Structure formats: C-alpha cells, structure tokens
PDB file of N, CA and C in Angstrom:
ATOM      1  N   MET A   1      31.176  23.632   3.393  1.00  0.00           N
ATOM      2  CA  MET A   1      29.820  23.113   3.354  1.00  0.00           C
ATOM      3  C   MET A   1      29.085  23.733   2.177  1.00  0.00           C
ATOM      4  N   LEU A   2      28.165  23.011   1.643  1.00  0.00           N
ATOM      5  CA  LEU A   2      27.350  23.509   0.541  1.00  0.00           C
ATOM      6  C   LEU A   2      26.207  24.356   1.083  1.00  0.00           C
ATOM      7  N   SER A   3      25.725  25.269   0.263  1.00  0.00           N
ATOM      8  CA  SER A   3      24.571  26.059   0.669  1.00  0.00           C
ATOM      9  C   SER A   3      23.337  25.162   0.727  1.00  0.00           C
ATOM     10  N   LYS A   4      22.319  25.622   1.429  1.00  0.00           N
ATOM     11  CA  LYS A   4      21.136  24.794   1.638  1.00  0.00           C
ATOM     12  C   LYS A   4      20.458  24.419   0.319  1.00  0.00           C
ATOM     13  N   LYS A   5      20.449  25.329  -0.656  1.00  0.00           N
ATOM     14  CA  LYS A   5      19.795  25.027  -1.927  1.00  0.00           C
ATOM     15  C   LYS A   5      20.603  24.049  -2.785  1.00  0.00           C
ATOM     16  N   GLU A   6      21.881  23.816  -2.446  1.00  0.00           N
ATOM     17  CA  GLU A   6      22.703  22.852  -3.171  1.00  0.00           C
ATOM     18  C   GLU A   6      22.697  21.470  -2.525  1.00  0.00           C
ATOM     19  N   ARG A   7      22.113  21.345  -1.324  1.00  0.00           N
ATOM     20  CA  ARG A   7      22.016  20.050  -0.651  1.00  0.00           C
ATOM     21  C   ARG A   7      20.689  19.392  -0.990  1.00  0.00           C
ATOM     22  N   LEU A   8      20.594  18.099  -0.759  1.00  0.00           N
ATOM     23  CA  LEU A   8      19.386  17.333  -1.060  1.00  0.00           C
ATOM     24  C   LEU A   8      18.544  17.130   0.195  1.00  0.00           C
ATOM     25  N   SER A   9      17.222  17.234   0.039  1.00  0.00           N
ATOM     26  CA  SER A   9      16.329  16.878   1.142  1.00  0.00           C
ATOM     27  C   SER A   9      16.225  15.355   1.193  1.00  0.00           C
ATOM     28  N   ARG A  10      15.631  14.823   2.230  1.00  0.00           N
ATOM     29  CA  ARG A  10      15.479  13.365   2.343  1.00  0.00           C
ATOM     30  C   ARG A  10      14.658  12.793   1.192  1.00  0.00           C
ATOM     31  N   LYS A  11      13.597  13.508   0.828  1.00  0.00           N
ATOM     32  CA  LYS A  11      12.734  13.047  -0.265  1.00  0.00           C
ATOM     33  C   LYS A  11      13.490  13.036  -1.585  1.00  0.00           C
ATOM     34  N   GLU A  12      14.214  14.124  -1.867  1.00  0.00           N
ATOM     35  CA  GLU A  12      15.003  14.193  -3.099  1.00  0.00           C
ATOM     36  C   GLU A  12      16.110  13.137  -3.095  1.00  0.00           C
ATOM     37  N   PHE A  13      16.733  12.941  -1.933  1.00  0.00           N
ATOM     38  CA  PHE A  13      17.797  11.950  -1.823  1.00  0.00           C
ATOM     39  C   PHE A  13      17.292  10.565  -2.218  1.00  0.00           C
ATOM     40  N   SER A  14      16.144  10.176  -1.684  1.00  0.00           N
ATOM     41  CA  SER A  14      15.575   8.856  -1.987  1.00  0.00           C
ATOM     42  C   SER A  14      15.268   8.703  -3.472  1.00  0.00           C
ATOM     43  N   ARG A  15      14.703   9.750  -4.050  1.00  0.00           N
ATOM     44  CA  ARG A  15      14.332   9.689  -5.466  1.00  0.00           C
ATOM     45  C   ARG A  15      15.570   9.570  -6.353  1.00  0.00           C
ATOM     46  N   PHE A  16      16.561  10.448  -6.147  1.00  0.00           N
ATOM     47  CA  PHE A  16      17.756  10.423  -6.990  1.00  0.00           C
ATOM     48  C   PHE A  16      18.624   9.193  -6.712  1.00  0.00           C
ATOM     49  N   PHE A  17      18.615   8.695  -5.472  1.00  0.00           N
ATOM     50  CA  PHE A  17      19.394   7.507  -5.138  1.00  0.00           C
ATOM     51  C   PHE A  17      18.895   6.287  -5.904  1.00  0.00           C
ATOM     52  N   SER A  18      17.588   6.188  -6.059  1.00  0.00           N
ATOM     53  CA  SER A  18      17.034   5.033  -6.773  1.00  0.00           C
ATOM     54  C   SER A  18      17.146   5.180  -8.289  1.00  0.00           C
ATOM     55  N   LEU A  19      17.136   6.408  -8.801  1.00  0.00           N
ATOM     56  CA  LEU A  19      17.163   6.627 -10.251  1.00  0.00           C
ATOM     57  C   LEU A  19      18.561   6.786 -10.838  1.00  0.00           C
ATOM     58  N   GLY A  20      19.542   7.131 -10.008  1.00  0.00           N
ATOM     59  CA  GLY A  20      20.859   7.507 -10.503  1.00  0.00           C
ATOM     60  C   GLY A  20      21.697   6.366 -11.034  1.00  0.00           C
ATOM     61  N   LYS A  21      22.700   6.746 -11.832  1.00  0.00           N
ATOM     62  CA  LYS A  21      23.683   5.798 -12.353  1.00  0.00           C
ATOM     63  C   LYS A  21      24.852   5.750 -11.372  1.00  0.00           C
ATOM     64  N   ARG A  22      25.398   4.559 -11.160  1.00  0.00           N
ATOM     65  CA  ARG A  22      26.465   4.390 -10.189  1.00  0.00           C
ATOM     66  C   ARG A  22      27.822   4.235 -10.865  1.00  0.00           C
ATOM     67  N   SER A  23      28.809   4.882 -10.244  1.00  0.00           N
ATOM     68  CA  SER A  23      30.205   4.737 -10.647  1.00  0.00           C
ATOM     69  C   SER A  23      31.008   4.433  -9.395  1.00  0.00           C
ATOM     70  N   ASN A  24      31.983   3.551  -9.530  1.00  0.00           N
ATOM     71  CA  ASN A  24      32.771   3.130  -8.374  1.00  0.00           C
ATOM     72  C   ASN A  24      34.227   3.519  -8.516  1.00  0.00           C
ATOM     73  N   SER A  25      34.851   3.833  -7.390  1.00  0.00           N
ATOM     74  CA  SER A  25      36.293   4.014  -7.298  1.00  0.00           C
ATOM     75  C   SER A  25      36.740   3.319  -6.021  1.00  0.00           C
ATOM     76  N   LYS A  26      38.008   3.421  -5.687  1.00  0.00           N
ATOM     77  CA  LYS A  26      38.470   2.728  -4.489  1.00  0.00           C
ATOM     78  C   LYS A  26      37.999   3.398  -3.210  1.00  0.00           C
ATOM     79  N   ILE A  27      37.613   4.663  -3.260  1.00  0.00           N
ATOM     80  CA  ILE A  27      37.156   5.391  -2.072  1.00  0.00           C
ATOM     81  C   ILE A  27      35.642   5.566  -2.048  1.00  0.00           C
ATOM     82  N   PHE A  28      35.052   5.853  -3.215  1.00  0.00           N
ATOM     83  CA  PHE A  28      33.650   6.249  -3.287  1.00  0.00           C
ATOM     84  C   PHE A  28      32.833   5.341  -4.187  1.00  0.00           C
ATOM     85  N   THR A  29      31.528   5.378  -3.955  1.00  0.00           N
ATOM     86  CA  THR A  29      30.541   5.009  -4.949  1.00  0.00           C
ATOM     87  C   THR A  29      29.783   6.299  -5.202  1.00  0.00           C
ATOM     88  N   LEU A  30      29.704   6.696  -6.448  1.00  0.00           N
ATOM     89  CA  LEU A  30      29.004   7.934  -6.801  1.00  0.00           C
ATOM     90  C   LEU A  30      27.708   7.577  -7.507  1.00  0.00           C
ATOM     91  N   VAL A  31      26.617   8.170  -7.046  1.00  0.00           N
ATOM     92  CA  VAL A  31      25.326   8.030  -7.700  1.00  0.00           C
ATOM     93  C   VAL A  31      25.076   9.364  -8.392  1.00  0.00           C
ATOM     94  N   TYR A  32      24.981   9.330  -9.727  1.00  0.00           N
ATOM     95  CA  TYR A  32      24.844  10.559 -10.519  1.00  0.00           C
ATOM     96  C   TYR A  32      23.528  10.548 -11.284  1.00  0.00           C
ATOM     97  N   SER A  33      22.831  11.677 -11.244  1.00  0.00           N
ATOM     98  CA  SER A  33      21.626  11.879 -12.048  1.00  0.00           C
ATOM     99  C   SER A  33      21.743  13.230 -12.745  1.00  0.00           C
ATOM    100  N   PRO A  34      21.448  13.290 -14.038  1.00  0.00           N
ATOM    101  CA  PRO A  34      21.468  14.578 -14.724  1.00  0.00           C
ATOM    102  C   PRO A  34      20.382  15.499 -14.163  1.00  0.00           C
ATOM    103  N   HIS A  35      20.706  16.770 -14.026  1.00  0.00           N
ATOM    104  CA  HIS A  35      19.776  17.760 -13.487  1.00  0.00           C
ATOM    105  C   HIS A  35      20.287  19.118 -13.937  1.00  0.00           C
ATOM    106  N   PRO A  36      19.410  20.093 -14.180  1.00  0.00           N
ATOM    107  CA  PRO A  36      19.877  21.389 -14.686  1.00  0.00           C
ATOM    108  C   PRO A  36      20.683  22.202 -13.676  1.00  0.00           C
ATOM    109  N   THR A  37      20.587  21.888 -12.386  1.00  0.00           N
ATOM    110  CA  THR A  37      21.358  22.609 -11.371  1.00  0.00           C
ATOM    111  C   THR A  37      22.241  21.631 -10.606  1.00  0.00           C
ATOM    112  N   PHE A  38      23.123  22.169  -9.778  1.00  0.00           N
ATOM    113  CA  PHE A  38      24.060  21.364  -9.005  1.00  0.00           C
ATOM    114  C   PHE A  38      23.488  21.061  -7.622  1.00  0.00           C
ATOM    115  N   HIS A  39      23.489  19.776  -7.251  1.00  0.00           N
ATOM    116  CA  HIS A  39      23.119  19.325  -5.914  1.00  0.00           C
ATOM    117  C   HIS A  39      24.063  18.195  -5.533  1.00  0.00           C
ATOM    118  N   ALA A  40      24.412  18.114  -4.247  1.00  0.00           N
ATOM    119  CA  ALA A  40      25.311  17.051  -3.811  1.00  0.00           C
ATOM    120  C   ALA A  40      24.975  16.600  -2.402  1.00  0.00           C
ATOM    121  N   SER A  41      25.382  15.377  -2.112  1.00  0.00           N
ATOM    122  CA  SER A  41      25.218  14.813  -0.788  1.00  0.00           C
ATOM    123  C   SER A  41      26.376  13.848  -0.540  1.00  0.00           C
ATOM    124  N   VAL A  42      26.836  13.792   0.713  1.00  0.00           N
ATOM    125  CA  VAL A  42      27.926  12.904   1.084  1.00  0.00           C
ATOM    126  C   VAL A  42      27.447  12.022   2.222  1.00  0.00           C
ATOM    127  N   VAL A  43      27.631  10.710   2.075  1.00  0.00           N
ATOM    128  CA  VAL A  43      27.220   9.746   3.084  1.00  0.00           C
ATOM    129  C   VAL A  43      28.465   9.043   3.610  1.00  0.00           C
ATOM    130  N   VAL A  44      28.665   9.137   4.940  1.00  0.00           N
ATOM    131  CA  VAL A  44      29.780   8.456   5.587  1.00  0.00           C
ATOM    132  C   VAL A  44      29.180   7.472   6.590  1.00  0.00           C
ATOM    133  N   PRO A  45      29.172   6.168   6.284  1.00  0.00           N
ATOM    134  CA  PRO A  45      28.544   5.197   7.180  1.00  0.00           C
ATOM    135  C   PRO A  45      29.361   4.940   8.450  1.00  0.00           C
ATOM    136  N   LYS A  46      28.709   4.375   9.443  1.00  0.00           N
ATOM    137  CA  LYS A  46      29.373   4.059  10.712  1.00  0.00           C
ATOM    138  C   LYS A  46      30.457   3.002  10.555  1.00  0.00           C
ATOM    139  N   LYS A  47      30.366   2.187   9.519  1.00  0.00           N
ATOM    140  CA  LYS A  47      31.404   1.188   9.284  1.00  0.00           C
ATOM    141  C   LYS A  47      32.742   1.842   8.967  1.00  0.00           C
ATOM    142  N   VAL A  48      32.699   3.035   8.374  1.00  0.00           N
ATOM    143  CA  VAL A  48      33.921   3.755   8.030  1.00  0.00           C
ATOM    144  C   VAL A  48      34.537   4.368   9.280  1.00  0.00           C
ATOM    145  N   GLU A  49      33.713   5.030  10.087  1.00  0.00           N
ATOM    146  CA  GLU A  49      34.191   5.694  11.302  1.00  0.00           C
ATOM    147  C   GLU A  49      33.099   5.647  12.358  1.00  0.00           C
ATOM    148  N   LYS A  50      33.409   5.143  13.523  1.00  0.00           N
ATOM    149  CA  LYS A  50      32.406   4.992  14.584  1.00  0.00           C
ATOM    150  C   LYS A  50      31.989   6.332  15.179  1.00  0.00           C
ATOM    151  N   SER A  51      32.918   7.231  15.341  1.00  0.00           N
ATOM    152  CA  SER A  51      32.658   8.510  16.001  1.00  0.00           C
ATOM    153  C   SER A  51      31.924   9.473  15.073  1.00  0.00           C
ATOM    154  N   ALA A  52      30.832  10.049  15.553  1.00  0.00           N
ATOM    155  CA  ALA A  52      30.063  11.004  14.750  1.00  0.00           C
ATOM    156  C   ALA A  52      30.888  12.251  14.445  1.00  0.00           C
ATOM    157  N   VAL A  53      31.713  12.659  15.375  1.00  0.00           N
ATOM    158  CA  VAL A  53      32.559  13.840  15.167  1.00  0.00           C
ATOM    159  C   VAL A  53      33.502  13.608  13.994  1.00  0.00           C
ATOM    160  N   LYS A  54      34.111  12.432  13.947  1.00  0.00           N
ATOM    161  CA  LYS A  54      35.046  12.118  12.862  1.00  0.00           C
ATOM    162  C   LYS A  54      34.320  11.931  11.535  1.00  0.00           C
ATOM    163  N   ARG A  55      33.120  11.310  11.570  1.00  0.00           N
ATOM    164  CA  ARG A  55      32.328  11.169  10.338  1.00  0.00           C
ATOM    165  C   ARG A  55      31.955  12.539   9.784  1.00  0.00           C
ATOM    166  N   ASN A  56      31.549  13.446  10.644  1.00  0.00           N
ATOM    167  CA  ASN A  56      31.178  14.788  10.197  1.00  0.00           C
ATOM    168  C   ASN A  56      32.376  15.552   9.651  1.00  0.00           C
ATOM    169  N   LYS A  57      33.540  15.340  10.238  1.00  0.00           N
ATOM    170  CA  LYS A  57      34.753  15.994   9.736  1.00  0.00           C
ATOM    171  C   LYS A  57      35.069  15.501   8.316  1.00  0.00           C
ATOM    172  N   ILE A  58      34.986  14.191   8.112  1.00  0.00           N
ATOM    173  CA  ILE A  58      35.217  13.625   6.781  1.00  0.00           C
ATOM    174  C   ILE A  58      34.189  14.173   5.799  1.00  0.00           C
ATOM    175  N   ARG A  59      32.930  14.208   6.215  1.00  0.00           N
ATOM    176  CA  ARG A  59      31.854  14.719   5.365  1.00  0.00           C
ATOM    177  C   ARG A  59      32.108  16.177   4.974  1.00  0.00           C
ATOM    178  N   ARG A  60      32.496  17.018   5.923  1.00  0.00           N
ATOM    179  CA  ARG A  60      32.780  18.424   5.622  1.00  0.00           C
ATOM    180  C   ARG A  60      33.955  18.573   4.670  1.00  0.00           C
ATOM    181  N   GLN A  61      34.987  17.753   4.835  1.00  0.00           N
ATOM    182  CA  GLN A  61      36.149  17.816   3.945  1.00  0.00           C
ATOM    183  C   GLN A  61      35.763  17.464   2.516  1.00  0.00           C
ATOM    184  N   ILE A  62      34.936  16.446   2.360  1.00  0.00           N
ATOM    185  CA  ILE A  62      34.527  16.042   1.010  1.00  0.00           C
ATOM    186  C   ILE A  62      33.592  17.085   0.406  1.00  0.00           C
ATOM    187  N   TYR A  63      32.684  17.646   1.212  1.00  0.00           N
ATOM    188  CA  TYR A  63      31.835  18.733   0.728  1.00  0.00           C
ATOM    189  C   TYR A  63      32.686  19.899   0.234  1.00  0.00           C
ATOM    190  N   ASP A  64      33.742  20.226   0.963  1.00  0.00           N
ATOM    191  CA  ASP A  64      34.618  21.328   0.571  1.00  0.00           C
ATOM    192  C   ASP A  64      35.303  21.040  -0.763  1.00  0.00           C
ATOM    193  N   ILE A  65      35.774  19.814  -0.947  1.00  0.00           N
ATOM    194  CA  ILE A  65      36.412  19.429  -2.214  1.00  0.00           C
ATOM    195  C   ILE A  65      35.410  19.511  -3.358  1.00  0.00           C
ATOM    196  N   VAL A  66      34.211  18.970  -3.139  1.00  0.00           N
ATOM    197  CA  VAL A  66      33.179  18.969  -4.184  1.00  0.00           C
ATOM    198  C   VAL A  66      32.783  20.397  -4.544  1.00  0.00           C
ATOM    199  N   ARG A  67      32.614  21.249  -3.531  1.00  0.00           N
ATOM    200  CA  ARG A  67      32.213  22.641  -3.771  1.00  0.00           C
ATOM    201  C   ARG A  67      33.283  23.386  -4.574  1.00  0.00           C
ATOM    202  N   SER A  68      34.558  23.228  -4.186  1.00  0.00           N
ATOM    203  CA  SER A  68      35.626  23.924  -4.900  1.00  0.00           C
ATOM    204  C   SER A  68      35.762  23.415  -6.334  1.00  0.00           C
ATOM    205  N   GLN A  69      35.620  22.098  -6.537  1.00  0.00           N
ATOM    206  CA  GLN A  69      35.705  21.551  -7.894  1.00  0.00           C
ATOM    207  C   GLN A  69      34.516  21.984  -8.745  1.00  0.00           C
ATOM    208  N   GLN A  70      33.356  22.088  -8.126  1.00  0.00           N
ATOM    209  CA  GLN A  70      32.169  22.510  -8.866  1.00  0.00           C
ATOM    210  C   GLN A  70      32.327  23.953  -9.333  1.00  0.00           C
ATOM    211  N   LYS A  71      32.917  24.799  -8.507  1.00  0.00           N
ATOM    212  CA  LYS A  71      33.124  26.195  -8.892  1.00  0.00           C
ATOM    213  C   LYS A  71      34.118  26.321 -10.032  1.00  0.00           C
ATOM    214  N   THR A  72      35.187  25.509 -10.017  1.00  0.00           N
ATOM    215  CA  THR A  72      36.193  25.613 -11.070  1.00  0.00           C
ATOM    216  C   THR A  72      35.774  24.893 -12.340  1.00  0.00           C
ATOM    217  N   GLU A  73      35.151  23.731 -12.211  1.00  0.00           N
ATOM    218  CA  GLU A  73      34.787  22.917 -13.371  1.00  0.00           C
ATOM    219  C   GLU A  73      33.371  23.185 -13.872  1.00  0.00           C
ATOM    220  N   GLY A  74      32.498  23.686 -13.026  1.00  0.00           N
ATOM    221  CA  GLY A  74      31.131  23.991 -13.430  1.00  0.00           C
ATOM    222  C   GLY A  74      30.252  22.778 -13.652  1.00  0.00           C
ATOM    223  N   PHE A  75      30.404  21.749 -12.823  1.00  0.00           N
ATOM    224  CA  PHE A  75      29.577  20.548 -12.946  1.00  0.00           C
ATOM    225  C   PHE A  75      28.128  20.856 -12.597  1.00  0.00           C
ATOM    226  N   VAL A  76      27.195  20.214 -13.291  1.00  0.00           N
ATOM    227  CA  VAL A  76      25.783  20.284 -12.937  1.00  0.00           C
ATOM    228  C   VAL A  76      25.244  18.866 -12.846  1.00  0.00           C
ATOM    229  N   GLY A  77      24.191  18.707 -12.057  1.00  0.00           N
ATOM    230  CA  GLY A  77      23.597  17.397 -11.851  1.00  0.00           C
ATOM    231  C   GLY A  77      23.499  17.110 -10.372  1.00  0.00           C
ATOM    232  N   VAL A  78      23.046  15.915 -10.059  1.00  0.00           N
ATOM    233  CA  VAL A  78      22.922  15.484  -8.671  1.00  0.00           C
ATOM    234  C   VAL A  78      23.995  14.442  -8.402  1.00  0.00           C
ATOM    235  N   PHE A  79      24.820  14.685  -7.381  1.00  0.00           N
ATOM    236  CA  PHE A  79      25.930  13.810  -7.026  1.00  0.00           C
ATOM    237  C   PHE A  79      25.736  13.340  -5.593  1.00  0.00           C
ATOM    238  N   ILE A  80      25.677  12.020  -5.398  1.00  0.00           N
ATOM    239  CA  ILE A  80      25.594  11.438  -4.065  1.00  0.00           C
ATOM    240  C   ILE A  80      26.848  10.579  -3.884  1.00  0.00           C
ATOM    241  N   PHE A  81      27.699  10.991  -2.951  1.00  0.00           N
ATOM    242  CA  PHE A  81      28.944  10.284  -2.673  1.00  0.00           C
ATOM    243  C   PHE A  81      28.732   9.353  -1.490  1.00  0.00           C
ATOM    244  N   LEU A  82      28.972   8.061  -1.703  1.00  0.00           N
ATOM    245  CA  LEU A  82      28.900   7.057  -0.638  1.00  0.00           C
ATOM    246  C   LEU A  82      30.329   6.614  -0.353  1.00  0.00           C
ATOM    247  N   LEU A  83      30.801   6.898   0.834  1.00  0.00           N
ATOM    248  CA  LEU A  83      32.178   6.592   1.179  1.00  0.00           C
ATOM    249  C   LEU A  83      32.340   5.106   1.446  1.00  0.00           C
ATOM    250  N   LYS A  84      33.403   4.516   0.889  1.00  0.00           N
ATOM    251  CA  LYS A  84      33.683   3.098   1.083  1.00  0.00           C
ATOM    252  C   LYS A  84      34.747   2.876   2.145  1.00  0.00           C
ATOM    253  N   SER A  85      35.834   3.591   2.030  1.00  0.00           N
ATOM    254  CA  SER A  85      36.953   3.371   2.940  1.00  0.00           C
ATOM    255  C   SER A  85      37.305   4.669   3.655  1.00  0.00           C
ATOM    256  N   ASN A  86      38.129   4.559   4.649  1.00  0.00           N
ATOM    257  CA  ASN A  86      38.479   5.713   5.454  1.00  0.00           C
ATOM    258  C   ASN A  86      39.470   6.618   4.715  1.00  0.00           C
ATOM    259  N   THR A  87      39.165   7.894   4.645  1.00  0.00           N
ATOM    260  CA  THR A  87      40.011   8.829   3.913  1.00  0.00           C
ATOM    261  C   THR A  87      41.152   9.364   4.751  1.00  0.00           C
ATOM    262  N   LYS A  88      41.176   9.093   6.052  1.00  0.00           N
ATOM    263  CA  LYS A  88      42.282   9.611   6.859  1.00  0.00           C
ATOM    264  C   LYS A  88      43.598   8.933   6.505  1.00  0.00           C
ATOM    265  N   GLU A  89      43.527   7.788   5.846  1.00  0.00           N
ATOM    266  CA  GLU A  89      44.731   7.096   5.397  1.00  0.00           C
ATOM    267  C   GLU A  89      45.276   7.710   4.109  1.00  0.00           C
ATOM    268  N   LEU A  90      44.453   8.469   3.404  1.00  0.00           N
ATOM    269  CA  LEU A  90      44.845   9.073   2.137  1.00  0.00           C
ATOM    270  C   LEU A  90      45.179  10.543   2.316  1.00  0.00           C
ATOM    271  N   LYS A  91      46.020  11.031   1.449  1.00  0.00           N
ATOM    272  CA  LYS A  91      46.355  12.456   1.471  1.00  0.00           C
ATOM    273  C   LYS A  91      45.248  13.237   0.780  1.00  0.00           C
ATOM    274  N   HIS A  92      45.187  14.515   1.095  1.00  0.00           N
ATOM    275  CA  HIS A  92      44.153  15.394   0.551  1.00  0.00           C
ATOM    276  C   HIS A  92      44.189  15.414  -0.984  1.00  0.00           C
ATOM    277  N   GLU A  93      45.384  15.444  -1.552  1.00  0.00           N
ATOM    278  CA  GLU A  93      45.530  15.493  -3.006  1.00  0.00           C
ATOM    279  C   GLU A  93      44.968  14.236  -3.664  1.00  0.00           C
ATOM    280  N   GLU A  94      45.161  13.092  -3.005  1.00  0.00           N
ATOM    281  CA  GLU A  94      44.637  11.839  -3.547  1.00  0.00           C
ATOM    282  C   GLU A  94      43.110  11.827  -3.539  1.00  0.00           C
ATOM    283  N   VAL A  95      42.515  12.365  -2.484  1.00  0.00           N
ATOM    284  CA  VAL A  95      41.049  12.435  -2.404  1.00  0.00           C
ATOM    285  C   VAL A  95      40.511  13.374  -3.476  1.00  0.00           C
ATOM    286  N   VAL A  96      41.173  14.516  -3.692  1.00  0.00           N
ATOM    287  CA  VAL A  96      40.754  15.461  -4.734  1.00  0.00           C
ATOM    288  C   VAL A  96      40.810  14.795  -6.102  1.00  0.00           C
ATOM    289  N   GLU A  97      41.881  14.050  -6.383  1.00  0.00           N
ATOM    290  CA  GLU A  97      42.015  13.352  -7.659  1.00  0.00           C
ATOM    291  C   GLU A  97      40.908  12.318  -7.840  1.00  0.00           C
ATOM    292  N   GLU A  98      40.604  11.566  -6.781  1.00  0.00           N
ATOM    293  CA  GLU A  98      39.540  10.557  -6.847  1.00  0.00           C
ATOM    294  C   GLU A  98      38.185  11.199  -7.118  1.00  0.00           C
ATOM    295  N   VAL A  99      37.909  12.331  -6.453  1.00  0.00           N
ATOM    296  CA  VAL A  99      36.634  13.025  -6.657  1.00  0.00           C
ATOM    297  C   VAL A  99      36.512  13.471  -8.110  1.00  0.00           C
ATOM    298  N   LEU A 100      37.546  14.116  -8.637  1.00  0.00           N
ATOM    299  CA  LEU A 100      37.516  14.569 -10.033  1.00  0.00           C
ATOM    300  C   LEU A 100      37.361  13.399 -10.997  1.00  0.00           C
ATOM    301  N   GLU A 101      38.113  12.342 -10.757  1.00  0.00           N
ATOM    302  CA  GLU A 101      38.075  11.183 -11.645  1.00  0.00           C
ATOM    303  C   GLU A 101      36.693  10.533 -11.672  1.00  0.00           C
ATOM    304  N   ILE A 102      36.106  10.353 -10.503  1.00  0.00           N
ATOM    305  CA  ILE A 102      34.814   9.669 -10.451  1.00  0.00           C
ATOM    306  C   ILE A 102      33.689  10.555 -11.013  1.00  0.00           C
ATOM    307  N   ILE A 103      33.791  11.877 -10.826  1.00  0.00           N
ATOM    308  CA  ILE A 103      32.785  12.778 -11.394  1.00  0.00           C
ATOM    309  C   ILE A 103      32.844  12.742 -12.910  1.00  0.00           C
ATOM    310  N   LYS A 104      34.053  12.840 -13.466  1.00  0.00           N
ATOM    311  CA  LYS A 104      34.194  12.805 -14.923  1.00  0.00           C
ATOM    312  C   LYS A 104      33.753  11.464 -15.494  1.00  0.00           C
ATOM    313  N   LYS A 105      34.049  10.393 -14.779  1.00  0.00           N
ATOM    314  CA  LYS A 105      33.631   9.051 -15.196  1.00  0.00           C
ATOM    315  C   LYS A 105      32.107   8.941 -15.221  1.00  0.00           C
ATOM    316  N   ALA A 106      31.439   9.483 -14.201  1.00  0.00           N
ATOM    317  CA  ALA A 106      29.987   9.403 -14.111  1.00  0.00           C
ATOM    318  C   ALA A 106      29.307  10.266 -15.168  1.00  0.00           C
ATOM    319  N   ILE A 107      29.808  11.443 -15.405  1.00  0.00           N
ATOM    320  CA  ILE A 107      29.198  12.349 -16.391  1.00  0.00           C
ATOM    321  C   ILE A 107      29.313  11.796 -17.802  1.00  0.00           C
ATOM    322  N   ASN A 108      30.421  11.134 -18.103  1.00  0.00           N
ATOM    323  CA  ASN A 108      30.662  10.627 -19.452  1.00  0.00           C
ATOM    324  C   ASN A 108      29.989   9.299 -19.725  1.00  0.00           C
ATOM    325  N   LYS A 109      29.365   8.672 -18.741  1.00  0.00           N
ATOM    326  CA  LYS A 109      28.683   7.380 -18.970  1.00  0.00           C
ATOM    327  C   LYS A 109      27.476   7.547 -19.830  1.00  0.00           C
TER     328      LYS A 109
END
C-alpha cells in the first residue's frame, strides 16, 4: 500500500482525472498528470470483480507493483490506474510489465 501522502484525496482525484492525459493498454487505462511529487490511485470497478474483498486484493497488488516500480525507477507525477480486465487471469510478471509499459508510454507522450 502507498503511504497516505502518496495517495489522492477525492478532491485531488477529481481534478487530476479531468485534467490528465490517458494511455491505454489491454489491462489498464492510465490517467497521467505531471506533478513534482509522486501520487497514485487504483480503481477496480465492480464490473471487473463483484466481491469487495477480491477488488481490494487486486487493488493492493497493483499498489504494491506501482510502489516498488516507483522506488526503482523514480517516477514522479500523478498516476490513476483504471482497471479494464481481471488480473487474476494474468501472471504477476505480465502485470508488472504492463504497468511499466503504460507508465513509460504516458510519461513520454
């Protein structure tokens, strides 16, 4: 999980969601906004998984991937991940690759 200062409040989420640039992959839609510090949010809709327990598990796994990649790569900005499809069908390595690919794609736009 990300620390509280690295997560977005509802007000910040709305502002960055409307202003950000979107990048798509087969798993995620990423909304990226340049910012001097790192902030992230992960959205797992009910269409992906009905159970709140399973949605929260997916959300925590993606937060963990984003946090570890941010520490190694040093990304800055605001990242909002909107999940499209269920990640339980994919292996962990594939999700990590997708996260890295979509982040690099969004930053370079």
